[in-house]
Amino acid sequence: MLRKLEIKISIEYIRELMRKLAHLGEPSQKPLAEKELSLSPDSLCVSLVEGWRGELCHCAITDQEGKIIHYKVKDPSLHNWMALALSLRDLEISDFPINNKSYNLSYCGHDL
């Protein structure tokens, strides 16, 4: 029920945004930013948020001008791929799809 409610609210939010975008006119007209954002120079920022499979970790590193020089996202599936490998020991390769569905892991490595 919670997922159903989240989907319903998300759809309503998207429809609201589309209505607002329809009033902008030409695609070349961009909305103005509320404020200019700048990043701190020579910094490391780590952010943890909860995704539906577990924690998502975002890491950003900036250079001396405040430009992002490295950005990494670590998803919850990373921890569980080894568990899947261990559970498949001494089994046939044909058992992989069934076991993998049990773990519900992200193939591409991003649970975003």
PDB file of N, CA and C in Angstrom:
ATOM      1  N   MET A   1       0.820  -1.200   0.000  1.00  0.00           N
ATOM      2  CA  MET A   1       0.000   0.000   0.000  1.00  0.00           C
ATOM      3  C   MET A   1       0.863   1.263   0.000  1.00  0.00           C
ATOM      4  N   LEU A   2       1.991   1.200   0.721  1.00  0.00           N
ATOM      5  CA  LEU A   2       2.869   2.370   0.782  1.00  0.00           C
ATOM      6  C   LEU A   2       3.449   2.675  -0.601  1.00  0.00           C
ATOM      7  N   ARG A   3       3.917   1.630  -1.297  1.00  0.00           N
ATOM      8  CA  ARG A   3       4.456   1.834  -2.648  1.00  0.00           C
ATOM      9  C   ARG A   3       3.374   2.402  -3.575  1.00  0.00           C
ATOM     10  N   LYS A   4       2.159   1.887  -3.466  1.00  0.00           N
ATOM     11  CA  LYS A   4       1.053   2.368  -4.292  1.00  0.00           C
ATOM     12  C   LYS A   4       0.803   3.853  -4.031  1.00  0.00           C
ATOM     13  N   LEU A   5       0.817   4.240  -2.765  1.00  0.00           N
ATOM     14  CA  LEU A   5       0.614   5.644  -2.406  1.00  0.00           C
ATOM     15  C   LEU A   5       1.766   6.511  -2.930  1.00  0.00           C
ATOM     16  N   GLU A   6       3.006   6.020  -2.799  1.00  0.00           N
ATOM     17  CA  GLU A   6       4.153   6.767  -3.306  1.00  0.00           C
ATOM     18  C   GLU A   6       4.052   6.978  -4.811  1.00  0.00           C
ATOM     19  N   ILE A   7       3.630   5.939  -5.539  1.00  0.00           N
ATOM     20  CA  ILE A   7       3.484   6.047  -6.996  1.00  0.00           C
ATOM     21  C   ILE A   7       2.399   7.053  -7.350  1.00  0.00           C
ATOM     22  N   LYS A   8       1.280   6.985  -6.648  1.00  0.00           N
ATOM     23  CA  LYS A   8       0.173   7.908  -6.903  1.00  0.00           C
ATOM     24  C   LYS A   8       0.610   9.357  -6.682  1.00  0.00           C
ATOM     25  N   ILE A   9       1.292   9.615  -5.582  1.00  0.00           N
ATOM     26  CA  ILE A   9       1.762  10.972  -5.283  1.00  0.00           C
ATOM     27  C   ILE A   9       2.795  11.425  -6.318  1.00  0.00           C
ATOM     28  N   SER A  10       3.670  10.517  -6.732  1.00  0.00           N
ATOM     29  CA  SER A  10       4.682  10.852  -7.737  1.00  0.00           C
ATOM     30  C   SER A  10       4.035  11.227  -9.062  1.00  0.00           C
ATOM     31  N   ILE A  11       3.019  10.472  -9.473  1.00  0.00           N
ATOM     32  CA  ILE A  11       2.319  10.777 -10.726  1.00  0.00           C
ATOM     33  C   ILE A  11       1.650  12.136 -10.638  1.00  0.00           C
ATOM     34  N   GLU A  12       1.008  12.420  -9.514  1.00  0.00           N
ATOM     35  CA  GLU A  12       0.363  13.728  -9.326  1.00  0.00           C
ATOM     36  C   GLU A  12       1.401  14.851  -9.391  1.00  0.00           C
ATOM     37  N   TYR A  13       2.569  14.621  -8.795  1.00  0.00           N
ATOM     38  CA  TYR A  13       3.643  15.624  -8.807  1.00  0.00           C
ATOM     39  C   TYR A  13       4.141  15.866 -10.236  1.00  0.00           C
ATOM     40  N   ILE A  14       4.336  14.797 -11.006  1.00  0.00           N
ATOM     41  CA  ILE A  14       4.799  14.930 -12.389  1.00  0.00           C
ATOM     42  C   ILE A  14       3.780  15.688 -13.221  1.00  0.00           C
ATOM     43  N   ARG A  15       2.495  15.366 -13.041  1.00  0.00           N
ATOM     44  CA  ARG A  15       1.451  16.079 -13.789  1.00  0.00           C
ATOM     45  C   ARG A  15       1.431  17.563 -13.439  1.00  0.00           C
ATOM     46  N   GLU A  16       1.630  17.880 -12.170  1.00  0.00           N
ATOM     47  CA  GLU A  16       1.674  19.284 -11.751  1.00  0.00           C
ATOM     48  C   GLU A  16       2.848  20.010 -12.400  1.00  0.00           C
ATOM     49  N   LEU A  17       4.009  19.360 -12.416  1.00  0.00           N
ATOM     50  CA  LEU A  17       5.187  19.963 -13.050  1.00  0.00           C
ATOM     51  C   LEU A  17       4.965  20.165 -14.546  1.00  0.00           C
ATOM     52  N   MET A  18       4.324  19.210 -15.191  1.00  0.00           N
ATOM     53  CA  MET A  18       4.060  19.336 -16.630  1.00  0.00           C
ATOM     54  C   MET A  18       3.108  20.498 -16.914  1.00  0.00           C
ATOM     55  N   ARG A  19       2.111  20.691 -16.042  1.00  0.00           N
ATOM     56  CA  ARG A  19       1.203  21.839 -16.205  1.00  0.00           C
ATOM     57  C   ARG A  19       1.977  23.147 -16.072  1.00  0.00           C
ATOM     58  N   LYS A  20       2.877  23.207 -15.102  1.00  0.00           N
ATOM     59  CA  LYS A  20       3.682  24.430 -14.919  1.00  0.00           C
ATOM     60  C   LYS A  20       4.603  24.665 -16.109  1.00  0.00           C
ATOM     61  N   LEU A  21       5.195  23.597 -16.638  1.00  0.00           N
ATOM     62  CA  LEU A  21       6.090  23.734 -17.786  1.00  0.00           C
ATOM     63  C   LEU A  21       5.342  24.180 -19.034  1.00  0.00           C
ATOM     64  N   ALA A  22       4.079  23.776 -19.167  1.00  0.00           N
ATOM     65  CA  ALA A  22       3.281  24.164 -20.329  1.00  0.00           C
ATOM     66  C   ALA A  22       3.096  25.677 -20.389  1.00  0.00           C
ATOM     67  N   HIS A  23       3.130  26.350 -19.252  1.00  0.00           N
ATOM     68  CA  HIS A  23       2.935  27.803 -19.200  1.00  0.00           C
ATOM     69  C   HIS A  23       4.216  28.579 -19.509  1.00  0.00           C
ATOM     70  N   LEU A  24       5.347  27.894 -19.663  1.00  0.00           N
ATOM     71  CA  LEU A  24       6.608  28.591 -19.919  1.00  0.00           C
ATOM     72  C   LEU A  24       6.714  29.106 -21.342  1.00  0.00           C
ATOM     73  N   GLY A  25       5.977  28.532 -22.258  1.00  0.00           N
ATOM     74  CA  GLY A  25       6.038  28.992 -23.644  1.00  0.00           C
ATOM     75  C   GLY A  25       7.087  28.235 -24.423  1.00  0.00           C
ATOM     76  N   GLU A  26       7.920  28.986 -25.119  1.00  0.00           N
ATOM     77  CA  GLU A  26       8.952  28.389 -25.975  1.00  0.00           C
ATOM     78  C   GLU A  26       9.932  27.562 -25.166  1.00  0.00           C
ATOM     79  N   PRO A  27      10.414  26.444 -25.744  1.00  0.00           N
ATOM     80  CA  PRO A  27      11.389  25.617 -25.026  1.00  0.00           C
ATOM     81  C   PRO A  27      12.691  26.354 -24.723  1.00  0.00           C
ATOM     82  N   SER A  28      12.997  27.401 -25.511  1.00  0.00           N
ATOM     83  CA  SER A  28      14.245  28.131 -25.282  1.00  0.00           C
ATOM     84  C   SER A  28      14.184  29.005 -24.028  1.00  0.00           C
ATOM     85  N   GLN A  29      12.968  29.264 -23.548  1.00  0.00           N
ATOM     86  CA  GLN A  29      12.828  30.071 -22.343  1.00  0.00           C
ATOM     87  C   GLN A  29      13.018  29.177 -21.123  1.00  0.00           C
ATOM     88  N   LYS A  30      14.048  29.452 -20.385  1.00  0.00           N
ATOM     89  CA  LYS A  30      14.331  28.658 -19.197  1.00  0.00           C
ATOM     90  C   LYS A  30      13.893  29.421 -17.951  1.00  0.00           C
ATOM     91  N   PRO A  31      13.380  28.700 -16.968  1.00  0.00           N
ATOM     92  CA  PRO A  31      13.051  29.395 -15.719  1.00  0.00           C
ATOM     93  C   PRO A  31      14.325  29.893 -15.040  1.00  0.00           C
ATOM     94  N   LEU A  32      14.231  31.009 -14.372  1.00  0.00           N
ATOM     95  CA  LEU A  32      15.383  31.560 -13.685  1.00  0.00           C
ATOM     96  C   LEU A  32      15.652  30.782 -12.401  1.00  0.00           C
ATOM     97  N   ALA A  33      16.914  30.597 -12.103  1.00  0.00           N
ATOM     98  CA  ALA A  33      17.285  29.925 -10.861  1.00  0.00           C
ATOM     99  C   ALA A  33      16.933  30.829  -9.683  1.00  0.00           C
ATOM    100  N   GLU A  34      16.508  30.200  -8.600  1.00  0.00           N
ATOM    101  CA  GLU A  34      16.165  30.986  -7.417  1.00  0.00           C
ATOM    102  C   GLU A  34      17.412  31.655  -6.843  1.00  0.00           C
ATOM    103  N   LYS A  35      18.517  30.960  -6.902  1.00  0.00           N
ATOM    104  CA  LYS A  35      19.776  31.534  -6.449  1.00  0.00           C
ATOM    105  C   LYS A  35      20.917  30.767  -7.115  1.00  0.00           C
ATOM    106  N   GLU A  36      22.021  31.446  -7.285  1.00  0.00           N
ATOM    107  CA  GLU A  36      23.191  30.796  -7.865  1.00  0.00           C
ATOM    108  C   GLU A  36      23.845  29.910  -6.817  1.00  0.00           C
ATOM    109  N   LEU A  37      24.155  28.708  -7.190  1.00  0.00           N
ATOM    110  CA  LEU A  37      24.806  27.788  -6.266  1.00  0.00           C
ATOM    111  C   LEU A  37      26.255  27.604  -6.673  1.00  0.00           C
ATOM    112  N   SER A  38      27.125  27.616  -5.716  1.00  0.00           N
ATOM    113  CA  SER A  38      28.533  27.347  -5.991  1.00  0.00           C
ATOM    114  C   SER A  38      29.019  26.309  -4.980  1.00  0.00           C
ATOM    115  N   LEU A  39      29.959  25.518  -5.424  1.00  0.00           N
ATOM    116  CA  LEU A  39      30.507  24.470  -4.561  1.00  0.00           C
ATOM    117  C   LEU A  39      31.786  24.948  -3.900  1.00  0.00           C
ATOM    118  N   SER A  40      32.042  24.450  -2.714  1.00  0.00           N
ATOM    119  CA  SER A  40      33.271  24.808  -1.999  1.00  0.00           C
ATOM    120  C   SER A  40      34.472  24.210  -2.717  1.00  0.00           C
ATOM    121  N   PRO A  41      35.546  24.978  -2.841  1.00  0.00           N
ATOM    122  CA  PRO A  41      36.742  24.443  -3.503  1.00  0.00           C
ATOM    123  C   PRO A  41      37.464  23.422  -2.622  1.00  0.00           C
ATOM    124  N   ASP A  42      38.201  22.521  -3.271  1.00  0.00           N
ATOM    125  CA  ASP A  42      39.018  21.497  -2.591  1.00  0.00           C
ATOM    126  C   ASP A  42      38.238  20.806  -1.469  1.00  0.00           C
ATOM    127  N   SER A  43      37.074  20.265  -1.825  1.00  0.00           N
ATOM    128  CA  SER A  43      36.216  19.663  -0.800  1.00  0.00           C
ATOM    129  C   SER A  43      35.815  18.239  -1.163  1.00  0.00           C
ATOM    130  N   LEU A  44      35.488  17.502  -0.135  1.00  0.00           N
ATOM    131  CA  LEU A  44      34.915  16.163  -0.264  1.00  0.00           C
ATOM    132  C   LEU A  44      33.552  16.214   0.416  1.00  0.00           C
ATOM    133  N   CYS A  45      32.522  15.779  -0.284  1.00  0.00           N
ATOM    134  CA  CYS A  45      31.177  15.756   0.285  1.00  0.00           C
ATOM    135  C   CYS A  45      30.633  14.336   0.173  1.00  0.00           C
ATOM    136  N   VAL A  46      30.116  13.825   1.271  1.00  0.00           N
ATOM    137  CA  VAL A  46      29.519  12.494   1.307  1.00  0.00           C
ATOM    138  C   VAL A  46      28.083  12.638   1.777  1.00  0.00           C
ATOM    139  N   SER A  47      27.168  12.016   1.040  1.00  0.00           N
ATOM    140  CA  SER A  47      25.754  12.081   1.391  1.00  0.00           C
ATOM    141  C   SER A  47      25.178  10.674   1.400  1.00  0.00           C
ATOM    142  N   LEU A  48      24.424  10.362   2.440  1.00  0.00           N
ATOM    143  CA  LEU A  48      23.744   9.075   2.535  1.00  0.00           C
ATOM    144  C   LEU A  48      22.245   9.310   2.503  1.00  0.00           C
ATOM    145  N   VAL A  49      21.562   8.590   1.626  1.00  0.00           N
ATOM    146  CA  VAL A  49      20.106   8.632   1.573  1.00  0.00           C
ATOM    147  C   VAL A  49      19.585   7.208   1.537  1.00  0.00           C
ATOM    148  N   GLU A  50      18.350   7.039   1.934  1.00  0.00           N
ATOM    149  CA  GLU A  50      17.754   5.702   1.959  1.00  0.00           C
ATOM    150  C   GLU A  50      17.008   5.450   0.658  1.00  0.00           C
ATOM    151  N   GLY A  51      17.410   4.403  -0.057  1.00  0.00           N
ATOM    152  CA  GLY A  51      16.705   3.959  -1.255  1.00  0.00           C
ATOM    153  C   GLY A  51      15.826   2.772  -0.901  1.00  0.00           C
ATOM    154  N   TRP A  52      15.136   2.243  -1.871  1.00  0.00           N
ATOM    155  CA  TRP A  52      14.207   1.158  -1.549  1.00  0.00           C
ATOM    156  C   TRP A  52      14.909  -0.165  -1.303  1.00  0.00           C
ATOM    157  N   ARG A  53      16.189  -0.305  -1.712  1.00  0.00           N
ATOM    158  CA  ARG A  53      16.946  -1.513  -1.401  1.00  0.00           C
ATOM    159  C   ARG A  53      17.888  -1.307  -0.213  1.00  0.00           C
ATOM    160  N   GLY A  54      18.041  -0.091   0.230  1.00  0.00           N
ATOM    161  CA  GLY A  54      18.972   0.210   1.306  1.00  0.00           C
ATOM    162  C   GLY A  54      19.630   1.562   1.082  1.00  0.00           C
ATOM    163  N   GLU A  55      20.793   1.771   1.720  1.00  0.00           N
ATOM    164  CA  GLU A  55      21.416   3.091   1.652  1.00  0.00           C
ATOM    165  C   GLU A  55      22.101   3.336   0.316  1.00  0.00           C
ATOM    166  N   LEU A  56      22.010   4.595  -0.132  1.00  0.00           N
ATOM    167  CA  LEU A  56      22.724   5.068  -1.311  1.00  0.00           C
ATOM    168  C   LEU A  56      23.740   6.090  -0.834  1.00  0.00           C
ATOM    169  N   CYS A  57      24.963   5.924  -1.266  1.00  0.00           N
ATOM    170  CA  CYS A  57      26.027   6.844  -0.867  1.00  0.00           C
ATOM    171  C   CYS A  57      26.499   7.623  -2.089  1.00  0.00           C
ATOM    172  N   HIS A  58      26.471   8.940  -1.984  1.00  0.00           N
ATOM    173  CA  HIS A  58      26.959   9.824  -3.039  1.00  0.00           C
ATOM    174  C   HIS A  58      28.197  10.535  -2.515  1.00  0.00           C
ATOM    175  N   CYS A  59      29.272  10.522  -3.293  1.00  0.00           N
ATOM    176  CA  CYS A  59      30.513  11.207  -2.914  1.00  0.00           C
ATOM    177  C   CYS A  59      30.929  12.137  -4.049  1.00  0.00           C
ATOM    178  N   ALA A  60      31.275  13.362  -3.704  1.00  0.00           N
ATOM    179  CA  ALA A  60      31.742  14.332  -4.699  1.00  0.00           C
ATOM    180  C   ALA A  60      33.037  14.964  -4.203  1.00  0.00           C
ATOM    181  N   ILE A  61      33.959  15.174  -5.139  1.00  0.00           N
ATOM    182  CA  ILE A  61      35.224  15.854  -4.837  1.00  0.00           C
ATOM    183  C   ILE A  61      35.337  17.045  -5.783  1.00  0.00           C
ATOM    184  N   THR A  62      35.689  18.215  -5.239  1.00  0.00           N
ATOM    185  CA  THR A  62      35.849  19.407  -6.064  1.00  0.00           C
ATOM    186  C   THR A  62      37.310  19.824  -6.127  1.00  0.00           C
ATOM    187  N   ASP A  63      37.647  20.553  -7.194  1.00  0.00           N
ATOM    188  CA  ASP A  63      39.006  21.071  -7.347  1.00  0.00           C
ATOM    189  C   ASP A  63      39.121  22.453  -6.702  1.00  0.00           C
ATOM    190  N   GLN A  64      40.243  23.147  -6.938  1.00  0.00           N
ATOM    191  CA  GLN A  64      40.457  24.446  -6.301  1.00  0.00           C
ATOM    192  C   GLN A  64      39.514  25.529  -6.811  1.00  0.00           C
ATOM    193  N   GLU A  65      38.814  25.276  -7.938  1.00  0.00           N
ATOM    194  CA  GLU A  65      37.844  26.239  -8.454  1.00  0.00           C
ATOM    195  C   GLU A  65      36.416  25.884  -8.057  1.00  0.00           C
ATOM    196  N   GLY A  66      36.223  24.793  -7.349  1.00  0.00           N
ATOM    197  CA  GLY A  66      34.887  24.366  -6.950  1.00  0.00           C
ATOM    198  C   GLY A  66      34.167  23.537  -7.992  1.00  0.00           C
ATOM    199  N   LYS A  67      34.891  23.100  -9.023  1.00  0.00           N
ATOM    200  CA  LYS A  67      34.296  22.248 -10.059  1.00  0.00           C
ATOM    201  C   LYS A  67      34.411  20.784  -9.627  1.00  0.00           C
ATOM    202  N   ILE A  68      33.398  20.003  -9.939  1.00  0.00           N
ATOM    203  CA  ILE A  68      33.425  18.576  -9.584  1.00  0.00           C
ATOM    204  C   ILE A  68      34.449  17.862 -10.452  1.00  0.00           C
ATOM    205  N   ILE A  69      35.395  17.184  -9.789  1.00  0.00           N
ATOM    206  CA  ILE A  69      36.391  16.414 -10.529  1.00  0.00           C
ATOM    207  C   ILE A  69      36.159  14.911 -10.404  1.00  0.00           C
ATOM    208  N   HIS A  70      35.360  14.521  -9.415  1.00  0.00           N
ATOM    209  CA  HIS A  70      35.018  13.101  -9.272  1.00  0.00           C
ATOM    210  C   HIS A  70      33.683  12.986  -8.538  1.00  0.00           C
ATOM    211  N   TYR A  71      32.830  12.096  -9.058  1.00  0.00           N
ATOM    212  CA  TYR A  71      31.531  11.852  -8.422  1.00  0.00           C
ATOM    213  C   TYR A  71      31.272  10.358  -8.454  1.00  0.00           C
ATOM    214  N   LYS A  72      30.919   9.785  -7.339  1.00  0.00           N
ATOM    215  CA  LYS A  72      30.714   8.342  -7.230  1.00  0.00           C
ATOM    216  C   LYS A  72      29.421   8.067  -6.478  1.00  0.00           C
ATOM    217  N   VAL A  73      28.653   7.103  -6.991  1.00  0.00           N
ATOM    218  CA  VAL A  73      27.441   6.648  -6.318  1.00  0.00           C
ATOM    219  C   VAL A  73      27.625   5.172  -5.993  1.00  0.00           C
ATOM    220  N   LYS A  74      27.394   4.805  -4.729  1.00  0.00           N
ATOM    221  CA  LYS A  74      27.460   3.401  -4.305  1.00  0.00           C
ATOM    222  C   LYS A  74      26.064   2.982  -3.908  1.00  0.00           C
ATOM    223  N   ASP A  75      25.560   1.940  -4.568  1.00  0.00           N
ATOM    224  CA  ASP A  75      24.193   1.511  -4.294  1.00  0.00           C
ATOM    225  C   ASP A  75      24.166   0.291  -3.386  1.00  0.00           C
ATOM    226  N   PRO A  76      23.005  -0.020  -2.815  1.00  0.00           N
ATOM    227  CA  PRO A  76      22.883  -1.125  -1.858  1.00  0.00           C
ATOM    228  C   PRO A  76      23.179  -2.498  -2.453  1.00  0.00           C
ATOM    229  N   SER A  77      22.996  -2.668  -3.751  1.00  0.00           N
ATOM    230  CA  SER A  77      23.245  -3.972  -4.361  1.00  0.00           C
ATOM    231  C   SER A  77      24.703  -4.394  -4.223  1.00  0.00           C
ATOM    232  N   LEU A  78      25.604  -3.423  -4.128  1.00  0.00           N
ATOM    233  CA  LEU A  78      27.030  -3.742  -4.027  1.00  0.00           C
ATOM    234  C   LEU A  78      27.312  -4.716  -2.888  1.00  0.00           C
ATOM    235  N   HIS A  79      26.652  -4.522  -1.762  1.00  0.00           N
ATOM    236  CA  HIS A  79      26.880  -5.393  -0.609  1.00  0.00           C
ATOM    237  C   HIS A  79      26.348  -6.805  -0.830  1.00  0.00           C
ATOM    238  N   ASN A  80      25.328  -6.938  -1.648  1.00  0.00           N
ATOM    239  CA  ASN A  80      24.632  -8.213  -1.764  1.00  0.00           C
ATOM    240  C   ASN A  80      25.087  -9.100  -2.919  1.00  0.00           C
ATOM    241  N   TRP A  81      25.906  -8.581  -3.847  1.00  0.00           N
ATOM    242  CA  TRP A  81      26.374  -9.428  -4.941  1.00  0.00           C
ATOM    243  C   TRP A  81      27.229 -10.572  -4.408  1.00  0.00           C
ATOM    244  N   MET A  82      28.034 -10.321  -3.398  1.00  0.00           N
ATOM    245  CA  MET A  82      28.848 -11.395  -2.824  1.00  0.00           C
ATOM    246  C   MET A  82      27.956 -12.450  -2.167  1.00  0.00           C
ATOM    247  N   ALA A  83      26.881 -12.030  -1.534  1.00  0.00           N
ATOM    248  CA  ALA A  83      25.944 -12.991  -0.938  1.00  0.00           C
ATOM    249  C   ALA A  83      25.335 -13.878  -2.017  1.00  0.00           C
ATOM    250  N   LEU A  84      25.019 -13.298  -3.156  1.00  0.00           N
ATOM    251  CA  LEU A  84      24.478 -14.085  -4.264  1.00  0.00           C
ATOM    252  C   LEU A  84      25.515 -15.090  -4.756  1.00  0.00           C
ATOM    253  N   ALA A  85      26.753 -14.648  -4.894  1.00  0.00           N
ATOM    254  CA  ALA A  85      27.816 -15.555  -5.344  1.00  0.00           C
ATOM    255  C   ALA A  85      27.993 -16.721  -4.375  1.00  0.00           C
ATOM    256  N   LEU A  86      27.956 -16.430  -3.089  1.00  0.00           N
ATOM    257  CA  LEU A  86      28.103 -17.494  -2.090  1.00  0.00           C
ATOM    258  C   LEU A  86      26.915 -18.457  -2.103  1.00  0.00           C
ATOM    259  N   SER A  87      25.726 -17.934  -2.344  1.00  0.00           N
ATOM    260  CA  SER A  87      24.549 -18.810  -2.350  1.00  0.00           C
ATOM    261  C   SER A  87      24.507 -19.706  -3.586  1.00  0.00           C
ATOM    262  N   LEU A  88      25.255 -19.359  -4.617  1.00  0.00           N
ATOM    263  CA  LEU A  88      25.262 -20.151  -5.855  1.00  0.00           C
ATOM    264  C   LEU A  88      26.392 -21.179  -5.906  1.00  0.00           C
ATOM    265  N   ARG A  89      27.192 -21.257  -4.866  1.00  0.00           N
ATOM    266  CA  ARG A  89      28.287 -22.225  -4.869  1.00  0.00           C
ATOM    267  C   ARG A  89      27.745 -23.633  -5.081  1.00  0.00           C
ATOM    268  N   ASP A  90      28.422 -24.385  -5.921  1.00  0.00           N
ATOM    269  CA  ASP A  90      28.088 -25.781  -6.214  1.00  0.00           C
ATOM    270  C   ASP A  90      26.712 -25.953  -6.848  1.00  0.00           C
ATOM    271  N   LEU A  91      26.166 -24.925  -7.453  1.00  0.00           N
ATOM    272  CA  LEU A  91      24.884 -25.040  -8.148  1.00  0.00           C
ATOM    273  C   LEU A  91      25.100 -24.868  -9.648  1.00  0.00           C
ATOM    274  N   GLU A  92      24.129 -25.288 -10.416  1.00  0.00           N
ATOM    275  CA  GLU A  92      24.172 -25.128 -11.868  1.00  0.00           C
ATOM    276  C   GLU A  92      23.948 -23.662 -12.244  1.00  0.00           C
ATOM    277  N   ILE A  93      24.483 -23.237 -13.386  1.00  0.00           N
ATOM    278  CA  ILE A  93      24.307 -21.862 -13.838  1.00  0.00           C
ATOM    279  C   ILE A  93      22.828 -21.568 -14.099  1.00  0.00           C
ATOM    280  N   SER A  94      22.047 -22.603 -14.417  1.00  0.00           N
ATOM    281  CA  SER A  94      20.619 -22.395 -14.664  1.00  0.00           C
ATOM    282  C   SER A  94      19.871 -21.953 -13.405  1.00  0.00           C
ATOM    283  N   ASP A  95      20.466 -22.129 -12.223  1.00  0.00           N
ATOM    284  CA  ASP A  95      19.847 -21.683 -10.981  1.00  0.00           C
ATOM    285  C   ASP A  95      20.028 -20.176 -10.751  1.00  0.00           C
ATOM    286  N   PHE A  96      20.895 -19.547 -11.531  1.00  0.00           N
ATOM    287  CA  PHE A  96      21.184 -18.126 -11.325  1.00  0.00           C
ATOM    288  C   PHE A  96      19.941 -17.235 -11.400  1.00  0.00           C
ATOM    289  N   PRO A  97      19.100 -17.350 -12.460  1.00  0.00           N
ATOM    290  CA  PRO A  97      17.945 -16.434 -12.527  1.00  0.00           C
ATOM    291  C   PRO A  97      17.015 -16.533 -11.319  1.00  0.00           C
ATOM    292  N   ILE A  98      16.782 -17.739 -10.843  1.00  0.00           N
ATOM    293  CA  ILE A  98      15.891 -17.906  -9.692  1.00  0.00           C
ATOM    294  C   ILE A  98      16.510 -17.280  -8.450  1.00  0.00           C
ATOM    295  N   ASN A  99      17.780 -17.575  -8.204  1.00  0.00           N
ATOM    296  CA  ASN A  99      18.449 -17.004  -7.033  1.00  0.00           C
ATOM    297  C   ASN A  99      18.557 -15.490  -7.136  1.00  0.00           C
ATOM    298  N   ASN A 100      18.875 -14.997  -8.326  1.00  0.00           N
ATOM    299  CA  ASN A 100      19.031 -13.562  -8.491  1.00  0.00           C
ATOM    300  C   ASN A 100      17.717 -12.839  -8.228  1.00  0.00           C
ATOM    301  N   LYS A 101      16.609 -13.407  -8.659  1.00  0.00           N
ATOM    302  CA  LYS A 101      15.310 -12.773  -8.397  1.00  0.00           C
ATOM    303  C   LYS A 101      15.035 -12.717  -6.895  1.00  0.00           C
ATOM    304  N   SER A 102      15.531 -13.693  -6.158  1.00  0.00           N
ATOM    305  CA  SER A 102      15.345 -13.679  -4.714  1.00  0.00           C
ATOM    306  C   SER A 102      16.076 -12.506  -4.076  1.00  0.00           C
ATOM    307  N   TYR A 103      17.242 -12.171  -4.613  1.00  0.00           N
ATOM    308  CA  TYR A 103      18.027 -11.065  -4.059  1.00  0.00           C
ATOM    309  C   TYR A 103      17.589  -9.715  -4.622  1.00  0.00           C
ATOM    310  N   ASN A 104      16.969  -9.728  -5.818  1.00  0.00           N
ATOM    311  CA  ASN A 104      16.465  -8.500  -6.446  1.00  0.00           C
ATOM    312  C   ASN A 104      17.563  -7.441  -6.556  1.00  0.00           C
ATOM    313  N   LEU A 105      18.702  -7.820  -7.120  1.00  0.00           N
ATOM    314  CA  LEU A 105      19.843  -6.916  -7.222  1.00  0.00           C
ATOM    315  C   LEU A 105      19.780  -6.096  -8.502  1.00  0.00           C
ATOM    316  N   SER A 106      20.464  -4.996  -8.484  1.00  0.00           N
ATOM    317  CA  SER A 106      20.555  -4.128  -9.655  1.00  0.00           C
ATOM    318  C   SER A 106      21.678  -4.630 -10.560  1.00  0.00           C
ATOM    319  N   TYR A 107      21.348  -4.940 -11.819  1.00  0.00           N
ATOM    320  CA  TYR A 107      22.363  -5.414 -12.768  1.00  0.00           C
ATOM    321  C   TYR A 107      23.369  -4.334 -13.112  1.00  0.00           C
ATOM    322  N   CYS A 108      22.888  -3.096 -13.285  1.00  0.00           N
ATOM    323  CA  CYS A 108      23.775  -2.027 -13.727  1.00  0.00           C
ATOM    324  C   CYS A 108      24.539  -1.393 -12.578  1.00  0.00           C
ATOM    325  N   GLY A 109      24.189  -1.755 -11.355  1.00  0.00           N
ATOM    326  CA  GLY A 109      24.932  -1.248 -10.210  1.00  0.00           C
ATOM    327  C   GLY A 109      24.425   0.070  -9.683  1.00  0.00           C
ATOM    328  N   HIS A 110      23.278   0.508 -10.133  1.00  0.00           N
ATOM    329  CA  HIS A 110      22.726   1.776  -9.653  1.00  0.00           C
ATOM    330  C   HIS A 110      21.285   1.559  -9.214  1.00  0.00           C
ATOM    331  N   ASP A 111      21.016   1.634  -7.945  1.00  0.00           N
ATOM    332  CA  ASP A 111      19.653   1.517  -7.407  1.00  0.00           C
ATOM    333  C   ASP A 111      19.049   2.883  -7.236  1.00  0.00           C
ATOM    334  N   LEU A 112      19.039   3.669  -8.289  1.00  0.00           N
ATOM    335  CA  LEU A 112      18.619   5.058  -8.134  1.00  0.00           C
ATOM    336  C   LEU A 112      17.152   5.234  -8.310  1.00  0.00           C
TER     337      LEU A 112
END
